[in-house]
Amino acid sequence: MTIENHEPVESRQGNVRLPAVYSVADPAPLGLGAFAMTTLALSLYNANIWPAAVFPALALALVYGGFAQLLAGMWEFVRKNTFGALAFTSYGSFWISYYVFVHFLVPAVKVGAVPDAVGVFLLGWTIVTFYLMIASLRVSGAVLGVFVALTITFVLLTIGAFNSSSSLTHAGGWVGILTAALAFYASAAGVINETFKKALVPVFPLAPKS
């Protein structure tokens, strides 16, 4: 599975059609896996299931969810996939900026201003996620599920932050766990189907075949 609906361009040599070849492997399973694992750790913290999960979440945000996903986005640019490039680059940057925000900036912000600061941070990502959700309607059911759940997660966390509502934050954490599960599924489908060279794990393509 790829996170996009573009096909490699076929070439011809005389009257012989040559097989289409990408210059890089599909980076979507890496990007989705990085996103899923980091989202799971942070959501376990937000849902108050495992408060200590904030520590692995920060580490993952910098390395796996951050840099690995950022690299996946760069490889999607090479594959000329606008959706995958924007999504993975954006969320890789989200996790790196989350690490910087929590580790360096929040300690310097006045306590009373922290909820609004967090709310503004999350609001921007809610907007980005919403229009990526619309674009995912042309990708696959697996990817669409990730973005629908992620949009709901961001909405709950954003409102919860602005209102200092632990119940909404906990709800966002639970939906975040669902988001991570869906992203793990999409990542697994991508690597399993690619490795076996057949659609063993359904992803429910939504884009019409050209």
N, C-alpha and C. Protein backbone atom coordinates (compact mmCIF):
# COMPACT_ATOMS: atom_id res chain seq x y z
N MET A 1 0.84 -1.20 0.00
CA MET A 1 0.00 0.00 0.00
C MET A 1 0.87 1.24 0.00
N THR A 2 0.45 2.25 -0.75
CA THR A 2 1.09 3.55 -0.64
C THR A 2 0.05 4.51 -0.09
N ILE A 3 0.53 5.65 0.39
CA ILE A 3 -0.39 6.65 0.94
C ILE A 3 -0.90 7.56 -0.16
N GLU A 4 -0.59 7.23 -1.39
CA GLU A 4 -0.99 8.07 -2.50
C GLU A 4 -1.61 7.22 -3.59
N ASN A 5 -2.06 7.91 -4.63
CA ASN A 5 -2.73 7.18 -5.71
C ASN A 5 -2.05 7.37 -7.05
N HIS A 6 -0.79 7.83 -7.02
CA HIS A 6 -0.08 8.02 -8.28
C HIS A 6 0.62 6.72 -8.67
N GLU A 7 0.72 6.48 -9.95
CA GLU A 7 1.41 5.30 -10.44
C GLU A 7 2.72 5.73 -11.08
N PRO A 8 3.74 4.86 -11.06
CA PRO A 8 4.98 5.18 -11.75
C PRO A 8 4.74 5.28 -13.25
N VAL A 9 5.50 6.11 -13.91
CA VAL A 9 5.31 6.34 -15.34
C VAL A 9 6.01 5.24 -16.12
N GLU A 10 5.29 4.62 -17.01
CA GLU A 10 5.87 3.59 -17.85
C GLU A 10 6.62 4.23 -19.01
N SER A 11 7.61 3.53 -19.52
CA SER A 11 8.37 4.04 -20.66
C SER A 11 8.32 3.01 -21.79
N ARG A 12 8.73 3.44 -22.96
CA ARG A 12 8.71 2.55 -24.13
C ARG A 12 10.08 2.53 -24.79
N GLN A 13 10.47 1.39 -25.28
CA GLN A 13 11.67 1.26 -26.07
C GLN A 13 11.25 0.62 -27.39
N GLY A 14 11.14 1.45 -28.40
CA GLY A 14 10.56 0.97 -29.64
C GLY A 14 9.10 0.67 -29.42
N ASN A 15 8.67 -0.55 -29.73
CA ASN A 15 7.29 -0.96 -29.52
C ASN A 15 7.11 -1.77 -28.24
N VAL A 16 8.18 -1.84 -27.44
CA VAL A 16 8.14 -2.63 -26.22
C VAL A 16 7.89 -1.73 -25.02
N ARG A 17 6.86 -2.05 -24.23
CA ARG A 17 6.56 -1.29 -23.03
C ARG A 17 7.42 -1.82 -21.89
N LEU A 18 8.21 -0.94 -21.30
CA LEU A 18 9.09 -1.34 -20.21
C LEU A 18 8.35 -1.20 -18.88
N PRO A 19 8.67 -2.05 -17.91
CA PRO A 19 7.98 -1.96 -16.61
C PRO A 19 8.28 -0.65 -15.91
N ALA A 20 7.26 -0.14 -15.20
CA ALA A 20 7.44 1.11 -14.46
C ALA A 20 8.27 0.84 -13.21
N VAL A 21 9.21 1.76 -12.93
CA VAL A 21 10.10 1.57 -11.80
C VAL A 21 10.21 2.88 -11.02
N TYR A 22 10.07 2.78 -9.70
CA TYR A 22 10.30 3.93 -8.84
C TYR A 22 11.77 4.00 -8.48
N SER A 23 12.29 5.18 -8.23
CA SER A 23 13.69 5.33 -7.85
C SER A 23 13.91 5.04 -6.37
N VAL A 24 12.84 5.06 -5.57
CA VAL A 24 12.94 4.72 -4.14
C VAL A 24 11.79 3.81 -3.75
N ALA A 25 11.99 3.06 -2.66
CA ALA A 25 10.92 2.21 -2.15
C ALA A 25 9.80 3.07 -1.57
N ASP A 26 8.64 2.45 -1.38
CA ASP A 26 7.50 3.17 -0.83
C ASP A 26 7.79 3.58 0.62
N PRO A 27 7.84 4.88 0.92
CA PRO A 27 8.15 5.33 2.27
C PRO A 27 6.94 5.39 3.19
N ALA A 28 5.73 5.13 2.65
CA ALA A 28 4.52 5.28 3.45
C ALA A 28 4.48 4.37 4.68
N PRO A 29 4.86 3.08 4.57
CA PRO A 29 4.83 2.24 5.78
C PRO A 29 5.73 2.78 6.89
N LEU A 30 6.89 3.33 6.52
CA LEU A 30 7.77 3.94 7.52
C LEU A 30 7.11 5.14 8.17
N GLY A 31 6.58 6.04 7.34
CA GLY A 31 5.95 7.24 7.88
C GLY A 31 4.76 6.93 8.76
N LEU A 32 3.93 6.00 8.32
CA LEU A 32 2.75 5.62 9.10
C LEU A 32 3.14 4.92 10.40
N GLY A 33 4.16 4.06 10.34
CA GLY A 33 4.61 3.38 11.55
C GLY A 33 5.19 4.35 12.56
N ALA A 34 5.98 5.31 12.09
CA ALA A 34 6.56 6.32 12.97
C ALA A 34 5.47 7.16 13.61
N PHE A 35 4.50 7.55 12.80
CA PHE A 35 3.38 8.33 13.32
C PHE A 35 2.59 7.53 14.35
N ALA A 36 2.33 6.26 14.04
CA ALA A 36 1.51 5.41 14.91
C ALA A 36 2.15 5.21 16.28
N MET A 37 3.44 4.87 16.29
CA MET A 37 4.09 4.57 17.57
C MET A 37 4.16 5.80 18.46
N THR A 38 4.49 6.95 17.89
CA THR A 38 4.59 8.17 18.69
C THR A 38 3.22 8.62 19.17
N THR A 39 2.22 8.50 18.31
CA THR A 39 0.86 8.87 18.69
C THR A 39 0.35 7.97 19.81
N LEU A 40 0.67 6.69 19.75
CA LEU A 40 0.24 5.76 20.79
C LEU A 40 0.81 6.15 22.15
N ALA A 41 2.11 6.45 22.17
CA ALA A 41 2.75 6.80 23.44
C ALA A 41 2.14 8.05 24.05
N LEU A 42 1.97 9.09 23.22
CA LEU A 42 1.41 10.34 23.74
C LEU A 42 -0.05 10.16 24.14
N SER A 43 -0.79 9.37 23.39
CA SER A 43 -2.21 9.17 23.69
C SER A 43 -2.40 8.37 24.98
N LEU A 44 -1.51 7.45 25.25
CA LEU A 44 -1.58 6.73 26.53
C LEU A 44 -1.41 7.69 27.70
N TYR A 45 -0.58 8.71 27.48
CA TYR A 45 -0.40 9.75 28.51
C TYR A 45 -1.65 10.64 28.58
N ASN A 46 -2.14 11.09 27.44
CA ASN A 46 -3.30 11.98 27.43
C ASN A 46 -4.55 11.31 28.00
N ALA A 47 -4.69 10.00 27.75
CA ALA A 47 -5.85 9.27 28.28
C ALA A 47 -5.67 8.91 29.75
N ASN A 48 -4.52 9.23 30.30
CA ASN A 48 -4.20 8.93 31.71
C ASN A 48 -4.19 7.43 31.99
N ILE A 49 -3.88 6.66 30.95
CA ILE A 49 -3.75 5.22 31.12
C ILE A 49 -2.36 4.88 31.67
N TRP A 50 -1.38 5.57 31.14
CA TRP A 50 0.01 5.35 31.53
C TRP A 50 0.72 6.70 31.54
N PRO A 51 0.64 7.44 32.65
CA PRO A 51 1.23 8.79 32.71
C PRO A 51 2.71 8.83 32.36
N ALA A 52 3.44 7.76 32.68
CA ALA A 52 4.87 7.74 32.39
C ALA A 52 5.16 7.68 30.89
N ALA A 53 4.13 7.44 30.07
CA ALA A 53 4.33 7.35 28.61
C ALA A 53 4.78 8.67 28.01
N VAL A 54 4.67 9.76 28.75
CA VAL A 54 5.11 11.05 28.23
C VAL A 54 6.61 11.04 27.94
N PHE A 55 7.37 10.25 28.69
CA PHE A 55 8.82 10.22 28.48
C PHE A 55 9.21 9.51 27.19
N PRO A 56 8.73 8.27 26.94
CA PRO A 56 9.01 7.70 25.62
C PRO A 56 8.37 8.50 24.48
N ALA A 57 7.24 9.16 24.76
CA ALA A 57 6.61 9.98 23.72
C ALA A 57 7.54 11.10 23.28
N LEU A 58 8.21 11.74 24.23
CA LEU A 58 9.13 12.83 23.89
C LEU A 58 10.32 12.30 23.10
N ALA A 59 10.85 11.14 23.51
CA ALA A 59 11.98 10.57 22.78
C ALA A 59 11.57 10.18 21.37
N LEU A 60 10.41 9.54 21.24
CA LEU A 60 9.91 9.15 19.93
C LEU A 60 9.61 10.37 19.07
N ALA A 61 9.09 11.44 19.70
CA ALA A 61 8.74 12.65 18.95
C ALA A 61 9.95 13.24 18.25
N LEU A 62 11.11 13.13 18.89
CA LEU A 62 12.31 13.70 18.30
C LEU A 62 12.91 12.79 17.23
N VAL A 63 12.93 11.47 17.48
CA VAL A 63 13.68 10.57 16.62
C VAL A 63 12.79 9.86 15.59
N TYR A 64 11.85 9.03 16.07
CA TYR A 64 11.07 8.20 15.14
C TYR A 64 9.92 8.98 14.52
N GLY A 65 9.04 9.53 15.38
CA GLY A 65 7.93 10.30 14.86
C GLY A 65 8.39 11.57 14.16
N GLY A 66 9.54 12.11 14.59
CA GLY A 66 10.05 13.34 14.01
C GLY A 66 10.91 13.12 12.79
N PHE A 67 12.17 12.72 13.02
CA PHE A 67 13.12 12.65 11.91
C PHE A 67 12.80 11.54 10.92
N ALA A 68 12.38 10.35 11.40
CA ALA A 68 12.08 9.26 10.47
C ALA A 68 10.90 9.63 9.58
N GLN A 69 9.89 10.25 10.16
CA GLN A 69 8.73 10.64 9.36
C GLN A 69 9.06 11.78 8.41
N LEU A 70 9.95 12.67 8.86
CA LEU A 70 10.40 13.75 7.98
C LEU A 70 11.12 13.19 6.76
N LEU A 71 11.96 12.17 6.98
CA LEU A 71 12.64 11.52 5.86
C LEU A 71 11.63 10.86 4.92
N ALA A 72 10.59 10.24 5.49
CA ALA A 72 9.55 9.63 4.65
C ALA A 72 8.91 10.68 3.75
N GLY A 73 8.69 11.87 4.31
CA GLY A 73 8.12 12.96 3.52
C GLY A 73 9.03 13.38 2.38
N MET A 74 10.35 13.42 2.63
CA MET A 74 11.29 13.80 1.58
C MET A 74 11.28 12.76 0.46
N TRP A 75 11.19 11.48 0.82
CA TRP A 75 11.14 10.43 -0.20
C TRP A 75 9.84 10.48 -0.99
N GLU A 76 8.76 10.92 -0.35
CA GLU A 76 7.51 11.08 -1.09
C GLU A 76 7.63 12.19 -2.13
N PHE A 77 8.42 13.23 -1.83
CA PHE A 77 8.67 14.27 -2.83
C PHE A 77 9.36 13.66 -4.05
N VAL A 78 10.31 12.75 -3.81
CA VAL A 78 11.02 12.10 -4.91
C VAL A 78 10.05 11.30 -5.77
N ARG A 79 9.05 10.70 -5.13
CA ARG A 79 8.04 9.92 -5.85
C ARG A 79 6.94 10.79 -6.46
N LYS A 80 7.09 12.10 -6.31
CA LYS A 80 6.13 13.07 -6.86
C LYS A 80 4.72 12.85 -6.29
N ASN A 81 4.67 12.56 -5.01
CA ASN A 81 3.39 12.34 -4.33
C ASN A 81 3.13 13.51 -3.39
N THR A 82 2.33 14.45 -3.82
CA THR A 82 2.09 15.67 -3.05
C THR A 82 1.45 15.37 -1.71
N PHE A 83 0.44 14.48 -1.71
CA PHE A 83 -0.26 14.18 -0.46
C PHE A 83 0.67 13.56 0.57
N GLY A 84 1.38 12.50 0.18
CA GLY A 84 2.29 11.84 1.11
C GLY A 84 3.41 12.76 1.56
N ALA A 85 3.94 13.57 0.64
CA ALA A 85 5.02 14.48 0.99
C ALA A 85 4.56 15.50 2.02
N LEU A 86 3.39 16.08 1.79
CA LEU A 86 2.88 17.08 2.73
C LEU A 86 2.54 16.44 4.08
N ALA A 87 1.88 15.28 4.05
CA ALA A 87 1.46 14.65 5.30
C ALA A 87 2.65 14.25 6.15
N PHE A 88 3.58 13.50 5.59
CA PHE A 88 4.70 13.00 6.39
C PHE A 88 5.65 14.12 6.81
N THR A 89 5.91 15.07 5.91
CA THR A 89 6.78 16.18 6.28
C THR A 89 6.13 17.02 7.37
N SER A 90 4.83 17.25 7.25
CA SER A 90 4.13 18.06 8.23
C SER A 90 4.11 17.40 9.61
N TYR A 91 3.75 16.12 9.65
CA TYR A 91 3.65 15.46 10.96
C TYR A 91 5.01 15.12 11.54
N GLY A 92 6.01 14.92 10.68
CA GLY A 92 7.37 14.81 11.20
C GLY A 92 7.78 16.11 11.86
N SER A 93 7.44 17.22 11.22
CA SER A 93 7.73 18.54 11.79
C SER A 93 6.89 18.78 13.05
N PHE A 94 5.65 18.27 13.04
CA PHE A 94 4.81 18.40 14.23
C PHE A 94 5.47 17.78 15.43
N TRP A 95 5.99 16.56 15.28
CA TRP A 95 6.58 15.88 16.43
C TRP A 95 7.86 16.55 16.90
N ILE A 96 8.66 17.03 15.96
CA ILE A 96 9.88 17.74 16.36
C ILE A 96 9.52 19.03 17.07
N SER A 97 8.56 19.77 16.54
CA SER A 97 8.15 21.02 17.18
C SER A 97 7.48 20.75 18.52
N TYR A 98 6.78 19.62 18.64
CA TYR A 98 6.18 19.24 19.93
C TYR A 98 7.27 19.03 20.97
N TYR A 99 8.34 18.35 20.57
CA TYR A 99 9.46 18.13 21.50
C TYR A 99 10.06 19.47 21.93
N VAL A 100 10.30 20.35 20.96
CA VAL A 100 10.88 21.66 21.27
C VAL A 100 9.93 22.46 22.17
N PHE A 101 8.64 22.43 21.85
CA PHE A 101 7.63 23.18 22.60
C PHE A 101 7.59 22.74 24.06
N VAL A 102 7.51 21.41 24.27
CA VAL A 102 7.39 20.88 25.63
C VAL A 102 8.70 20.99 26.40
N HIS A 103 9.80 20.68 25.74
CA HIS A 103 11.08 20.59 26.42
C HIS A 103 11.71 21.95 26.70
N PHE A 104 11.52 22.90 25.78
CA PHE A 104 12.22 24.17 25.91
C PHE A 104 11.31 25.37 26.19
N LEU A 105 10.12 25.40 25.60
CA LEU A 105 9.30 26.60 25.67
C LEU A 105 8.31 26.61 26.83
N VAL A 106 7.61 25.49 27.05
CA VAL A 106 6.61 25.45 28.11
C VAL A 106 7.18 25.83 29.48
N PRO A 107 8.39 25.35 29.84
CA PRO A 107 8.94 25.75 31.15
C PRO A 107 9.14 27.26 31.30
N ALA A 108 9.26 27.98 30.17
CA ALA A 108 9.48 29.42 30.23
C ALA A 108 8.19 30.22 30.17
N VAL A 109 7.06 29.55 29.92
CA VAL A 109 5.78 30.24 29.83
C VAL A 109 5.14 30.33 31.21
N LYS A 110 4.48 31.45 31.49
CA LYS A 110 3.77 31.59 32.76
C LYS A 110 2.69 30.53 32.85
N VAL A 111 2.51 29.98 34.04
CA VAL A 111 1.60 28.87 34.24
C VAL A 111 0.21 29.16 33.69
N GLY A 112 -0.31 30.35 33.94
CA GLY A 112 -1.66 30.69 33.49
C GLY A 112 -1.80 30.78 31.99
N ALA A 113 -0.67 30.95 31.28
CA ALA A 113 -0.72 31.10 29.83
C ALA A 113 -0.51 29.78 29.10
N VAL A 114 -0.14 28.74 29.82
CA VAL A 114 0.15 27.45 29.17
C VAL A 114 -1.05 26.87 28.43
N PRO A 115 -2.27 26.84 29.01
CA PRO A 115 -3.41 26.28 28.27
C PRO A 115 -3.65 26.96 26.93
N ASP A 116 -3.59 28.30 26.90
CA ASP A 116 -3.81 29.01 25.64
C ASP A 116 -2.68 28.73 24.65
N ALA A 117 -1.45 28.65 25.15
CA ALA A 117 -0.31 28.36 24.28
C ALA A 117 -0.45 26.98 23.65
N VAL A 118 -0.82 26.01 24.45
CA VAL A 118 -1.03 24.65 23.93
C VAL A 118 -2.21 24.63 22.95
N GLY A 119 -3.29 25.36 23.29
CA GLY A 119 -4.46 25.40 22.42
C GLY A 119 -4.15 25.98 21.06
N VAL A 120 -3.38 27.07 21.02
CA VAL A 120 -3.01 27.69 19.74
C VAL A 120 -2.15 26.72 18.92
N PHE A 121 -1.21 26.07 19.60
CA PHE A 121 -0.35 25.10 18.93
C PHE A 121 -1.18 23.99 18.28
N LEU A 122 -2.14 23.45 19.03
CA LEU A 122 -2.96 22.36 18.53
C LEU A 122 -3.97 22.82 17.48
N LEU A 123 -4.45 24.06 17.59
CA LEU A 123 -5.44 24.56 16.65
C LEU A 123 -4.91 24.56 15.22
N GLY A 124 -3.68 25.01 15.07
CA GLY A 124 -3.08 25.03 13.73
C GLY A 124 -3.01 23.65 13.12
N TRP A 125 -2.65 22.67 13.94
CA TRP A 125 -2.55 21.30 13.44
C TRP A 125 -3.92 20.69 13.19
N THR A 126 -4.92 21.16 13.89
CA THR A 126 -6.29 20.71 13.62
C THR A 126 -6.71 21.14 12.22
N ILE A 127 -6.36 22.35 11.85
CA ILE A 127 -6.72 22.88 10.52
C ILE A 127 -6.01 22.09 9.43
N VAL A 128 -4.70 21.87 9.60
CA VAL A 128 -3.94 21.11 8.60
C VAL A 128 -4.51 19.70 8.45
N THR A 129 -4.81 19.08 9.59
CA THR A 129 -5.33 17.71 9.57
C THR A 129 -6.69 17.64 8.88
N PHE A 130 -7.51 18.66 9.07
CA PHE A 130 -8.84 18.66 8.47
C PHE A 130 -8.77 18.67 6.95
N TYR A 131 -7.92 19.52 6.36
CA TYR A 131 -7.91 19.53 4.90
C TYR A 131 -7.13 18.35 4.32
N LEU A 132 -6.21 17.78 5.10
CA LEU A 132 -5.59 16.53 4.65
C LEU A 132 -6.61 15.38 4.68
N MET A 133 -7.53 15.45 5.65
CA MET A 133 -8.59 14.46 5.70
C MET A 133 -9.43 14.50 4.43
N ILE A 134 -9.71 15.70 3.95
CA ILE A 134 -10.49 15.84 2.71
C ILE A 134 -9.71 15.24 1.54
N ALA A 135 -8.41 15.52 1.48
CA ALA A 135 -7.59 14.97 0.40
C ALA A 135 -7.51 13.46 0.48
N SER A 136 -7.56 12.90 1.69
CA SER A 136 -7.43 11.45 1.86
C SER A 136 -8.64 10.69 1.30
N LEU A 137 -9.70 11.42 0.95
CA LEU A 137 -10.86 10.79 0.32
C LEU A 137 -10.51 10.20 -1.05
N ARG A 138 -9.35 10.58 -1.59
CA ARG A 138 -8.90 10.05 -2.88
C ARG A 138 -7.77 9.05 -2.71
N VAL A 139 -7.51 8.61 -1.50
CA VAL A 139 -6.38 7.70 -1.25
C VAL A 139 -6.89 6.28 -0.99
N SER A 140 -7.25 6.00 0.24
CA SER A 140 -7.76 4.66 0.58
C SER A 140 -8.57 4.74 1.86
N GLY A 141 -9.39 3.73 2.09
CA GLY A 141 -10.18 3.70 3.31
C GLY A 141 -9.29 3.63 4.55
N ALA A 142 -8.16 2.91 4.44
CA ALA A 142 -7.25 2.79 5.57
C ALA A 142 -6.68 4.15 5.96
N VAL A 143 -6.24 4.91 4.97
CA VAL A 143 -5.66 6.23 5.25
C VAL A 143 -6.74 7.21 5.67
N LEU A 144 -7.91 7.14 5.05
CA LEU A 144 -9.03 8.00 5.44
C LEU A 144 -9.38 7.78 6.91
N GLY A 145 -9.42 6.53 7.34
CA GLY A 145 -9.73 6.24 8.73
C GLY A 145 -8.75 6.90 9.68
N VAL A 146 -7.47 6.89 9.31
CA VAL A 146 -6.45 7.54 10.14
C VAL A 146 -6.74 9.03 10.28
N PHE A 147 -7.07 9.68 9.17
CA PHE A 147 -7.25 11.13 9.20
C PHE A 147 -8.57 11.55 9.84
N VAL A 148 -9.60 10.74 9.70
CA VAL A 148 -10.85 11.06 10.40
C VAL A 148 -10.63 10.99 11.91
N ALA A 149 -10.00 9.90 12.36
CA ALA A 149 -9.74 9.75 13.80
C ALA A 149 -8.78 10.83 14.29
N LEU A 150 -7.78 11.16 13.48
CA LEU A 150 -6.81 12.17 13.90
C LEU A 150 -7.45 13.55 14.00
N THR A 151 -8.35 13.86 13.08
CA THR A 151 -9.05 15.14 13.13
C THR A 151 -9.87 15.25 14.42
N ILE A 152 -10.59 14.19 14.76
CA ILE A 152 -11.37 14.18 16.01
C ILE A 152 -10.45 14.32 17.21
N THR A 153 -9.32 13.64 17.16
CA THR A 153 -8.34 13.73 18.26
C THR A 153 -7.89 15.16 18.47
N PHE A 154 -7.50 15.82 17.39
CA PHE A 154 -7.01 17.20 17.50
C PHE A 154 -8.11 18.14 17.98
N VAL A 155 -9.34 17.95 17.50
CA VAL A 155 -10.44 18.81 17.94
C VAL A 155 -10.65 18.68 19.45
N LEU A 156 -10.68 17.46 19.95
CA LEU A 156 -10.87 17.23 21.39
C LEU A 156 -9.72 17.81 22.21
N LEU A 157 -8.49 17.57 21.74
CA LEU A 157 -7.33 18.07 22.49
C LEU A 157 -7.26 19.60 22.46
N THR A 158 -7.63 20.18 21.33
CA THR A 158 -7.59 21.65 21.21
C THR A 158 -8.61 22.30 22.15
N ILE A 159 -9.85 21.82 22.09
CA ILE A 159 -10.89 22.37 22.97
C ILE A 159 -10.53 22.10 24.43
N GLY A 160 -10.00 20.91 24.69
CA GLY A 160 -9.60 20.58 26.05
C GLY A 160 -8.52 21.48 26.57
N ALA A 161 -7.56 21.84 25.70
CA ALA A 161 -6.47 22.73 26.12
C ALA A 161 -6.98 24.13 26.42
N PHE A 162 -7.78 24.69 25.52
CA PHE A 162 -8.29 26.05 25.73
C PHE A 162 -9.16 26.15 26.98
N ASN A 163 -9.86 25.06 27.30
CA ASN A 163 -10.76 25.09 28.45
C ASN A 163 -10.19 24.41 29.69
N SER A 164 -8.92 24.00 29.61
CA SER A 164 -8.27 23.29 30.71
C SER A 164 -9.14 22.13 31.19
N SER A 165 -9.71 21.41 30.24
CA SER A 165 -10.63 20.31 30.53
C SER A 165 -9.90 18.97 30.46
N SER A 166 -9.70 18.35 31.62
CA SER A 166 -9.03 17.05 31.63
C SER A 166 -9.89 15.97 31.00
N SER A 167 -11.22 16.10 31.10
CA SER A 167 -12.10 15.08 30.52
C SER A 167 -12.00 15.08 28.99
N LEU A 168 -11.95 16.26 28.38
CA LEU A 168 -11.81 16.33 26.93
C LEU A 168 -10.42 15.86 26.49
N THR A 169 -9.41 16.19 27.28
CA THR A 169 -8.05 15.73 26.96
C THR A 169 -7.98 14.22 27.04
N HIS A 170 -8.62 13.64 28.07
CA HIS A 170 -8.64 12.19 28.19
C HIS A 170 -9.39 11.56 27.01
N ALA A 171 -10.49 12.18 26.60
CA ALA A 171 -11.24 11.69 25.44
C ALA A 171 -10.38 11.74 24.18
N GLY A 172 -9.65 12.85 24.04
CA GLY A 172 -8.72 12.97 22.91
C GLY A 172 -7.66 11.89 22.94
N GLY A 173 -7.23 11.53 24.15
CA GLY A 173 -6.24 10.46 24.28
C GLY A 173 -6.79 9.13 23.82
N TRP A 174 -8.03 8.84 24.18
CA TRP A 174 -8.64 7.58 23.75
C TRP A 174 -8.81 7.51 22.23
N VAL A 175 -9.26 8.63 21.63
CA VAL A 175 -9.39 8.64 20.17
C VAL A 175 -8.01 8.59 19.53
N GLY A 176 -7.02 9.19 20.20
CA GLY A 176 -5.65 9.10 19.71
C GLY A 176 -5.14 7.67 19.67
N ILE A 177 -5.53 6.86 20.65
CA ILE A 177 -5.15 5.45 20.65
C ILE A 177 -5.77 4.75 19.44
N LEU A 178 -7.04 5.08 19.14
CA LEU A 178 -7.68 4.53 17.94
C LEU A 178 -6.93 4.98 16.68
N THR A 179 -6.53 6.25 16.65
CA THR A 179 -5.78 6.77 15.51
C THR A 179 -4.49 5.99 15.31
N ALA A 180 -3.79 5.74 16.42
CA ALA A 180 -2.54 4.98 16.34
C ALA A 180 -2.79 3.57 15.82
N ALA A 181 -3.87 2.94 16.28
CA ALA A 181 -4.19 1.58 15.83
C ALA A 181 -4.46 1.56 14.33
N LEU A 182 -5.20 2.54 13.83
CA LEU A 182 -5.49 2.62 12.40
C LEU A 182 -4.22 2.87 11.59
N ALA A 183 -3.32 3.72 12.12
CA ALA A 183 -2.06 3.99 11.43
C ALA A 183 -1.16 2.76 11.43
N PHE A 184 -1.14 2.01 12.54
CA PHE A 184 -0.39 0.76 12.57
C PHE A 184 -0.92 -0.21 11.50
N TYR A 185 -2.25 -0.27 11.39
CA TYR A 185 -2.86 -1.15 10.39
C TYR A 185 -2.43 -0.75 8.98
N ALA A 186 -2.50 0.54 8.68
CA ALA A 186 -2.13 1.01 7.34
C ALA A 186 -0.66 0.76 7.06
N SER A 187 0.19 0.96 8.07
CA SER A 187 1.63 0.71 7.91
C SER A 187 1.88 -0.77 7.67
N ALA A 188 1.24 -1.62 8.47
CA ALA A 188 1.42 -3.06 8.32
C ALA A 188 0.94 -3.53 6.95
N ALA A 189 -0.20 -2.99 6.52
CA ALA A 189 -0.72 -3.35 5.20
C ALA A 189 0.28 -2.99 4.11
N GLY A 190 0.88 -1.82 4.23
CA GLY A 190 1.84 -1.37 3.22
C GLY A 190 3.04 -2.28 3.11
N VAL A 191 3.64 -2.62 4.24
CA VAL A 191 4.87 -3.43 4.19
C VAL A 191 4.57 -4.90 3.87
N ILE A 192 3.46 -5.42 4.40
CA ILE A 192 3.11 -6.82 4.12
C ILE A 192 2.73 -7.00 2.66
N ASN A 193 1.88 -6.12 2.14
CA ASN A 193 1.46 -6.25 0.75
C ASN A 193 2.62 -6.05 -0.22
N GLU A 194 3.50 -5.13 0.12
CA GLU A 194 4.66 -4.88 -0.74
C GLU A 194 5.61 -6.07 -0.71
N THR A 195 5.83 -6.64 0.46
CA THR A 195 6.77 -7.76 0.60
C THR A 195 6.27 -9.01 -0.10
N PHE A 196 4.97 -9.29 0.04
CA PHE A 196 4.39 -10.49 -0.58
C PHE A 196 3.95 -10.25 -2.02
N LYS A 197 4.00 -9.00 -2.46
CA LYS A 197 3.62 -8.64 -3.82
C LYS A 197 2.18 -9.01 -4.15
N LYS A 198 1.33 -8.93 -3.13
CA LYS A 198 -0.10 -9.16 -3.34
C LYS A 198 -0.87 -8.48 -2.20
N ALA A 199 -2.14 -8.20 -2.44
CA ALA A 199 -2.96 -7.48 -1.45
C ALA A 199 -3.48 -8.45 -0.40
N LEU A 200 -2.63 -8.83 0.54
CA LEU A 200 -3.04 -9.72 1.63
C LEU A 200 -3.85 -8.99 2.68
N VAL A 201 -3.50 -7.72 2.92
CA VAL A 201 -4.19 -6.90 3.92
C VAL A 201 -4.96 -5.81 3.17
N PRO A 202 -6.28 -5.81 3.22
CA PRO A 202 -7.06 -4.83 2.44
C PRO A 202 -6.87 -3.40 2.93
N VAL A 203 -6.77 -2.47 1.99
CA VAL A 203 -6.67 -1.05 2.34
C VAL A 203 -7.84 -0.25 1.79
N PHE A 204 -8.67 -0.87 0.96
CA PHE A 204 -9.89 -0.25 0.44
C PHE A 204 -9.59 1.02 -0.38
N PRO A 205 -8.96 0.88 -1.53
CA PRO A 205 -8.62 2.04 -2.38
C PRO A 205 -9.86 2.86 -2.72
N LEU A 206 -9.69 4.17 -2.73
CA LEU A 206 -10.81 5.07 -3.00
C LEU A 206 -10.65 5.79 -4.34
N ALA A 207 -9.42 5.91 -4.82
CA ALA A 207 -9.20 6.64 -6.07
C ALA A 207 -9.61 5.78 -7.26
N PRO A 208 -10.32 6.37 -8.22
CA PRO A 208 -10.68 5.60 -9.42
C PRO A 208 -9.46 5.24 -10.24
N LYS A 209 -9.48 4.06 -10.85
CA LYS A 209 -8.34 3.66 -11.69
C LYS A 209 -8.36 4.45 -12.98
N SER A 210 -7.18 4.92 -13.34
CA SER A 210 -7.09 5.71 -14.59
C SER A 210 -6.95 4.79 -15.79
